[in-house]
Amino acid sequence: MQFSANVEKLKPSATIAVSTLAKKLAAEGRDIINLSAGEPDFDTPAFIAEAGTAAIREGRTRYTPT
């Protein structure tokens, strides 16, 4: 598949690269404090999940005015 010249110029995400490295090092047993991508290690609190579900059901899925 041929990609446009603009796509060919894209560089990999530094955030994803750091996150991948942190996960690899943690899997190797290294003590890592991963501050890269902000992936929480806890479930979404129920009240937030319920509010999000309600917003979707009510059609509130657009960006807010800026």
PDB file of N, CA and C in Angstrom:
ATOM      1  N   MET A   1       0.836  -1.163   0.000  1.00  0.00           N
ATOM      2  CA  MET A   1       0.000   0.000   0.000  1.00  0.00           C
ATOM      3  C   MET A   1       0.893   1.241   0.000  1.00  0.00           C
ATOM      4  N   GLN A   2       0.533   2.208  -0.802  1.00  0.00           N
ATOM      5  CA  GLN A   2       1.301   3.447  -0.877  1.00  0.00           C
ATOM      6  C   GLN A   2       0.608   4.519  -0.040  1.00  0.00           C
ATOM      7  N   PHE A   3       1.389   5.219   0.772  1.00  0.00           N
ATOM      8  CA  PHE A   3       0.860   6.277   1.617  1.00  0.00           C
ATOM      9  C   PHE A   3       1.288   7.630   1.069  1.00  0.00           C
ATOM     10  N   SER A   4       0.553   8.669   1.445  1.00  0.00           N
ATOM     11  CA  SER A   4       0.902  10.015   1.009  1.00  0.00           C
ATOM     12  C   SER A   4       2.231  10.434   1.636  1.00  0.00           C
ATOM     13  N   ALA A   5       2.840  11.440   1.043  1.00  0.00           N
ATOM     14  CA  ALA A   5       4.114  11.951   1.557  1.00  0.00           C
ATOM     15  C   ALA A   5       3.949  12.469   2.985  1.00  0.00           C
ATOM     16  N   ASN A   6       2.791  13.065   3.279  1.00  0.00           N
ATOM     17  CA  ASN A   6       2.555  13.571   4.639  1.00  0.00           C
ATOM     18  C   ASN A   6       2.530  12.436   5.656  1.00  0.00           C
ATOM     19  N   VAL A   7       1.896  11.341   5.304  1.00  0.00           N
ATOM     20  CA  VAL A   7       1.844  10.193   6.212  1.00  0.00           C
ATOM     21  C   VAL A   7       3.238   9.617   6.398  1.00  0.00           C
ATOM     22  N   GLU A   8       4.013   9.569   5.352  1.00  0.00           N
ATOM     23  CA  GLU A   8       5.375   9.028   5.432  1.00  0.00           C
ATOM     24  C   GLU A   8       6.258   9.851   6.377  1.00  0.00           C
ATOM     25  N   LYS A   9       5.924  11.139   6.568  1.00  0.00           N
ATOM     26  CA  LYS A   9       6.720  12.018   7.433  1.00  0.00           C
ATOM     27  C   LYS A   9       6.370  11.884   8.915  1.00  0.00           C
ATOM     28  N   LEU A  10       5.270  11.216   9.224  1.00  0.00           N
ATOM     29  CA  LEU A  10       4.855  11.088  10.623  1.00  0.00           C
ATOM     30  C   LEU A  10       5.881  10.301  11.425  1.00  0.00           C
ATOM     31  N   LYS A  11       6.089  10.743  12.647  1.00  0.00           N
ATOM     32  CA  LYS A  11       7.022  10.065  13.544  1.00  0.00           C
ATOM     33  C   LYS A  11       6.218   9.343  14.626  1.00  0.00           C
ATOM     34  N   PRO A  12       6.755   8.261  15.156  1.00  0.00           N
ATOM     35  CA  PRO A  12       6.045   7.553  16.227  1.00  0.00           C
ATOM     36  C   PRO A  12       5.849   8.456  17.444  1.00  0.00           C
ATOM     37  N   SER A  13       4.805   8.189  18.193  1.00  0.00           N
ATOM     38  CA  SER A  13       4.501   8.958  19.397  1.00  0.00           C
ATOM     39  C   SER A  13       5.542   8.697  20.477  1.00  0.00           C
ATOM     40  N   ALA A  14       6.131   9.758  21.002  1.00  0.00           N
ATOM     41  CA  ALA A  14       7.103   9.620  22.092  1.00  0.00           C
ATOM     42  C   ALA A  14       6.420   9.089  23.348  1.00  0.00           C
ATOM     43  N   THR A  15       5.176   9.492  23.578  1.00  0.00           N
ATOM     44  CA  THR A  15       4.441   9.023  24.749  1.00  0.00           C
ATOM     45  C   THR A  15       4.259   7.515  24.708  1.00  0.00           C
ATOM     46  N   ILE A  16       3.873   7.002  23.545  1.00  0.00           N
ATOM     47  CA  ILE A  16       3.684   5.555  23.412  1.00  0.00           C
ATOM     48  C   ILE A  16       5.016   4.833  23.541  1.00  0.00           C
ATOM     49  N   ALA A  17       6.072   5.400  23.001  1.00  0.00           N
ATOM     50  CA  ALA A  17       7.394   4.772  23.106  1.00  0.00           C
ATOM     51  C   ALA A  17       7.833   4.672  24.565  1.00  0.00           C
ATOM     52  N   VAL A  18       7.644   5.742  25.337  1.00  0.00           N
ATOM     53  CA  VAL A  18       8.031   5.730  26.748  1.00  0.00           C
ATOM     54  C   VAL A  18       7.145   4.760  27.528  1.00  0.00           C
ATOM     55  N   SER A  19       5.852   4.754  27.231  1.00  0.00           N
ATOM     56  CA  SER A  19       4.925   3.845  27.903  1.00  0.00           C
ATOM     57  C   SER A  19       5.289   2.394  27.629  1.00  0.00           C
ATOM     58  N   THR A  20       5.605   2.089  26.384  1.00  0.00           N
ATOM     59  CA  THR A  20       6.000   0.728  26.006  1.00  0.00           C
ATOM     60  C   THR A  20       7.266   0.313  26.741  1.00  0.00           C
ATOM     61  N   LEU A  21       8.239   1.206  26.804  1.00  0.00           N
ATOM     62  CA  LEU A  21       9.486   0.908  27.505  1.00  0.00           C
ATOM     63  C   LEU A  21       9.231   0.687  28.999  1.00  0.00           C
ATOM     64  N   ALA A  22       8.411   1.531  29.603  1.00  0.00           N
ATOM     65  CA  ALA A  22       8.111   1.388  31.033  1.00  0.00           C
ATOM     66  C   ALA A  22       7.445   0.049  31.315  1.00  0.00           C
ATOM     67  N   LYS A  23       6.505  -0.348  30.467  1.00  0.00           N
ATOM     68  CA  LYS A  23       5.829  -1.640  30.647  1.00  0.00           C
ATOM     69  C   LYS A  23       6.809  -2.793  30.486  1.00  0.00           C
ATOM     70  N   LYS A  24       7.719  -2.680  29.524  1.00  0.00           N
ATOM     71  CA  LYS A  24       8.724  -3.724  29.298  1.00  0.00           C
ATOM     72  C   LYS A  24       9.622  -3.863  30.523  1.00  0.00           C
ATOM     73  N   LEU A  25      10.099  -2.740  31.042  1.00  0.00           N
ATOM     74  CA  LEU A  25      10.977  -2.768  32.209  1.00  0.00           C
ATOM     75  C   LEU A  25      10.249  -3.309  33.438  1.00  0.00           C
ATOM     76  N   ALA A  26       8.985  -2.935  33.605  1.00  0.00           N
ATOM     77  CA  ALA A  26       8.202  -3.450  34.729  1.00  0.00           C
ATOM     78  C   ALA A  26       8.024  -4.959  34.608  1.00  0.00           C
ATOM     79  N   ALA A  27       7.790  -5.442  33.377  1.00  0.00           N
ATOM     80  CA  ALA A  27       7.638  -6.883  33.151  1.00  0.00           C
ATOM     81  C   ALA A  27       8.926  -7.634  33.466  1.00  0.00           C
ATOM     82  N   GLU A  28      10.053  -6.949  33.340  1.00  0.00           N
ATOM     83  CA  GLU A  28      11.354  -7.549  33.662  1.00  0.00           C
ATOM     84  C   GLU A  28      11.641  -7.501  35.164  1.00  0.00           C
ATOM     85  N   GLY A  29      10.717  -6.929  35.927  1.00  0.00           N
ATOM     86  CA  GLY A  29      10.897  -6.874  37.369  1.00  0.00           C
ATOM     87  C   GLY A  29      11.496  -5.587  37.891  1.00  0.00           C
ATOM     88  N   ARG A  30      11.725  -4.625  37.016  1.00  0.00           N
ATOM     89  CA  ARG A  30      12.283  -3.338  37.455  1.00  0.00           C
ATOM     90  C   ARG A  30      11.215  -2.549  38.206  1.00  0.00           C
ATOM     91  N   ASP A  31      11.621  -1.772  39.180  1.00  0.00           N
ATOM     92  CA  ASP A  31      10.712  -0.924  39.946  1.00  0.00           C
ATOM     93  C   ASP A  31      10.503   0.363  39.154  1.00  0.00           C
ATOM     94  N   ILE A  32       9.334   0.517  38.559  1.00  0.00           N
ATOM     95  CA  ILE A  32       9.064   1.622  37.635  1.00  0.00           C
ATOM     96  C   ILE A  32       7.926   2.489  38.167  1.00  0.00           C
ATOM     97  N   ILE A  33       8.100   3.789  38.080  1.00  0.00           N
ATOM     98  CA  ILE A  33       7.004   4.729  38.282  1.00  0.00           C
ATOM     99  C   ILE A  33       6.694   5.272  36.894  1.00  0.00           C
ATOM    100  N   ASN A  34       5.619   4.769  36.303  1.00  0.00           N
ATOM    101  CA  ASN A  34       5.279   5.098  34.920  1.00  0.00           C
ATOM    102  C   ASN A  34       4.441   6.373  34.882  1.00  0.00           C
ATOM    103  N   LEU A  35       5.043   7.459  34.436  1.00  0.00           N
ATOM    104  CA  LEU A  35       4.355   8.745  34.320  1.00  0.00           C
ATOM    105  C   LEU A  35       4.094   9.106  32.862  1.00  0.00           C
ATOM    106  N   SER A  36       4.028   8.119  31.989  1.00  0.00           N
ATOM    107  CA  SER A  36       3.958   8.407  30.560  1.00  0.00           C
ATOM    108  C   SER A  36       2.553   8.703  30.053  1.00  0.00           C
ATOM    109  N   ALA A  37       1.673   7.726  30.010  1.00  0.00           N
ATOM    110  CA  ALA A  37       0.422   7.888  29.277  1.00  0.00           C
ATOM    111  C   ALA A  37      -0.806   8.105  30.149  1.00  0.00           C
ATOM    112  N   GLY A  38      -0.669   8.092  31.441  1.00  0.00           N
ATOM    113  CA  GLY A  38      -1.823   8.341  32.292  1.00  0.00           C
ATOM    114  C   GLY A  38      -2.870   7.252  32.248  1.00  0.00           C
ATOM    115  N   GLU A  39      -2.456   5.999  32.269  1.00  0.00           N
ATOM    116  CA  GLU A  39      -3.390   4.885  32.287  1.00  0.00           C
ATOM    117  C   GLU A  39      -3.643   4.492  33.740  1.00  0.00           C
ATOM    118  N   PRO A  40      -4.837   4.786  34.264  1.00  0.00           N
ATOM    119  CA  PRO A  40      -5.096   4.476  35.664  1.00  0.00           C
ATOM    120  C   PRO A  40      -5.080   2.971  35.931  1.00  0.00           C
ATOM    121  N   ASP A  41      -4.710   2.611  37.150  1.00  0.00           N
ATOM    122  CA  ASP A  41      -4.680   1.199  37.525  1.00  0.00           C
ATOM    123  C   ASP A  41      -5.874   0.852  38.415  1.00  0.00           C
ATOM    124  N   PHE A  42      -6.972   1.582  38.222  1.00  0.00           N
ATOM    125  CA  PHE A  42      -8.193   1.329  38.991  1.00  0.00           C
ATOM    126  C   PHE A  42      -9.385   1.515  38.061  1.00  0.00           C
ATOM    127  N   ASP A  43     -10.504   0.885  38.419  1.00  0.00           N
ATOM    128  CA  ASP A  43     -11.714   1.001  37.609  1.00  0.00           C
ATOM    129  C   ASP A  43     -12.311   2.401  37.734  1.00  0.00           C
ATOM    130  N   THR A  44     -13.068   2.779  36.717  1.00  0.00           N
ATOM    131  CA  THR A  44     -13.787   4.049  36.758  1.00  0.00           C
ATOM    132  C   THR A  44     -14.831   3.975  37.871  1.00  0.00           C
ATOM    133  N   PRO A  45     -14.877   4.978  38.751  1.00  0.00           N
ATOM    134  CA  PRO A  45     -15.891   4.965  39.806  1.00  0.00           C
ATOM    135  C   PRO A  45     -17.303   4.871  39.211  1.00  0.00           C
ATOM    136  N   ALA A  46     -18.179   4.148  39.893  1.00  0.00           N
ATOM    137  CA  ALA A  46     -19.527   3.884  39.382  1.00  0.00           C
ATOM    138  C   ALA A  46     -20.277   5.164  39.035  1.00  0.00           C
ATOM    139  N   PHE A  47     -20.179   6.205  39.874  1.00  0.00           N
ATOM    140  CA  PHE A  47     -20.944   7.427  39.599  1.00  0.00           C
ATOM    141  C   PHE A  47     -20.480   8.103  38.307  1.00  0.00           C
ATOM    142  N   ILE A  48     -19.208   7.973  37.965  1.00  0.00           N
ATOM    143  CA  ILE A  48     -18.703   8.542  36.716  1.00  0.00           C
ATOM    144  C   ILE A  48     -19.186   7.709  35.532  1.00  0.00           C
ATOM    145  N   ALA A  49     -19.120   6.385  35.645  1.00  0.00           N
ATOM    146  CA  ALA A  49     -19.603   5.509  34.575  1.00  0.00           C
ATOM    147  C   ALA A  49     -21.092   5.741  34.327  1.00  0.00           C
ATOM    148  N   GLU A  50     -21.858   5.879  35.397  1.00  0.00           N
ATOM    149  CA  GLU A  50     -23.300   6.113  35.256  1.00  0.00           C
ATOM    150  C   GLU A  50     -23.581   7.464  34.607  1.00  0.00           C
ATOM    151  N   ALA A  51     -22.839   8.494  34.977  1.00  0.00           N
ATOM    152  CA  ALA A  51     -23.027   9.818  34.370  1.00  0.00           C
ATOM    153  C   ALA A  51     -22.663   9.787  32.891  1.00  0.00           C
ATOM    154  N   GLY A  52     -21.595   9.076  32.550  1.00  0.00           N
ATOM    155  CA  GLY A  52     -21.206   8.958  31.143  1.00  0.00           C
ATOM    156  C   GLY A  52     -22.246   8.217  30.328  1.00  0.00           C
ATOM    157  N   THR A  53     -22.768   7.129  30.889  1.00  0.00           N
ATOM    158  CA  THR A  53     -23.807   6.358  30.205  1.00  0.00           C
ATOM    159  C   THR A  53     -25.054   7.208  30.010  1.00  0.00           C
ATOM    160  N   ALA A  54     -25.450   7.956  31.035  1.00  0.00           N
ATOM    161  CA  ALA A  54     -26.625   8.822  30.930  1.00  0.00           C
ATOM    162  C   ALA A  54     -26.414   9.879  29.853  1.00  0.00           C
ATOM    163  N   ALA A  55     -25.237  10.470  29.794  1.00  0.00           N
ATOM    164  CA  ALA A  55     -24.950  11.492  28.782  1.00  0.00           C
ATOM    165  C   ALA A  55     -25.063  10.909  27.379  1.00  0.00           C
ATOM    166  N   ILE A  56     -24.562   9.698  27.181  1.00  0.00           N
ATOM    167  CA  ILE A  56     -24.660   9.054  25.864  1.00  0.00           C
ATOM    168  C   ILE A  56     -26.118   8.811  25.510  1.00  0.00           C
ATOM    169  N   ARG A  57     -26.890   8.284  26.450  1.00  0.00           N
ATOM    170  CA  ARG A  57     -28.315   8.011  26.196  1.00  0.00           C
ATOM    171  C   ARG A  57     -29.081   9.289  25.875  1.00  0.00           C
ATOM    172  N   GLU A  58     -28.670  10.401  26.462  1.00  0.00           N
ATOM    173  CA  GLU A  58     -29.344  11.685  26.250  1.00  0.00           C
ATOM    174  C   GLU A  58     -28.818  12.423  25.023  1.00  0.00           C
ATOM    175  N   GLY A  59     -27.897  11.802  24.296  1.00  0.00           N
ATOM    176  CA  GLY A  59     -27.381  12.411  23.074  1.00  0.00           C
ATOM    177  C   GLY A  59     -26.355  13.506  23.307  1.00  0.00           C
ATOM    178  N   ARG A  60     -25.822  13.599  24.499  1.00  0.00           N
ATOM    179  CA  ARG A  60     -24.826  14.637  24.792  1.00  0.00           C
ATOM    180  C   ARG A  60     -23.434  14.091  24.472  1.00  0.00           C
ATOM    181  N   THR A  61     -23.156  14.000  23.185  1.00  0.00           N
ATOM    182  CA  THR A  61     -21.896  13.398  22.740  1.00  0.00           C
ATOM    183  C   THR A  61     -21.068  14.343  21.876  1.00  0.00           C
ATOM    184  N   ARG A  62     -21.351  15.615  21.940  1.00  0.00           N
ATOM    185  CA  ARG A  62     -20.617  16.602  21.143  1.00  0.00           C
ATOM    186  C   ARG A  62     -19.607  17.331  22.022  1.00  0.00           C
ATOM    187  N   TYR A  63     -18.687  18.027  21.377  1.00  0.00           N
ATOM    188  CA  TYR A  63     -17.758  18.870  22.118  1.00  0.00           C
ATOM    189  C   TYR A  63     -18.511  20.034  22.739  1.00  0.00           C
ATOM    190  N   THR A  64     -18.005  20.523  23.857  1.00  0.00           N
ATOM    191  CA  THR A  64     -18.607  21.695  24.480  1.00  0.00           C
ATOM    192  C   THR A  64     -18.207  22.940  23.693  1.00  0.00           C
ATOM    193  N   PRO A  65     -19.005  24.012  23.778  1.00  0.00           N
ATOM    194  CA  PRO A  65     -18.623  25.250  23.090  1.00  0.00           C
ATOM    195  C   PRO A  65     -17.327  25.808  23.685  1.00  0.00           C
ATOM    196  N   THR A  66     -16.528  26.440  22.847  1.00  0.00           N
ATOM    197  CA  THR A  66     -15.279  27.020  23.349  1.00  0.00           C
ATOM    198  C   THR A  66     -15.269  28.518  23.168  1.00  0.00           C
TER     199      THR A  66
END
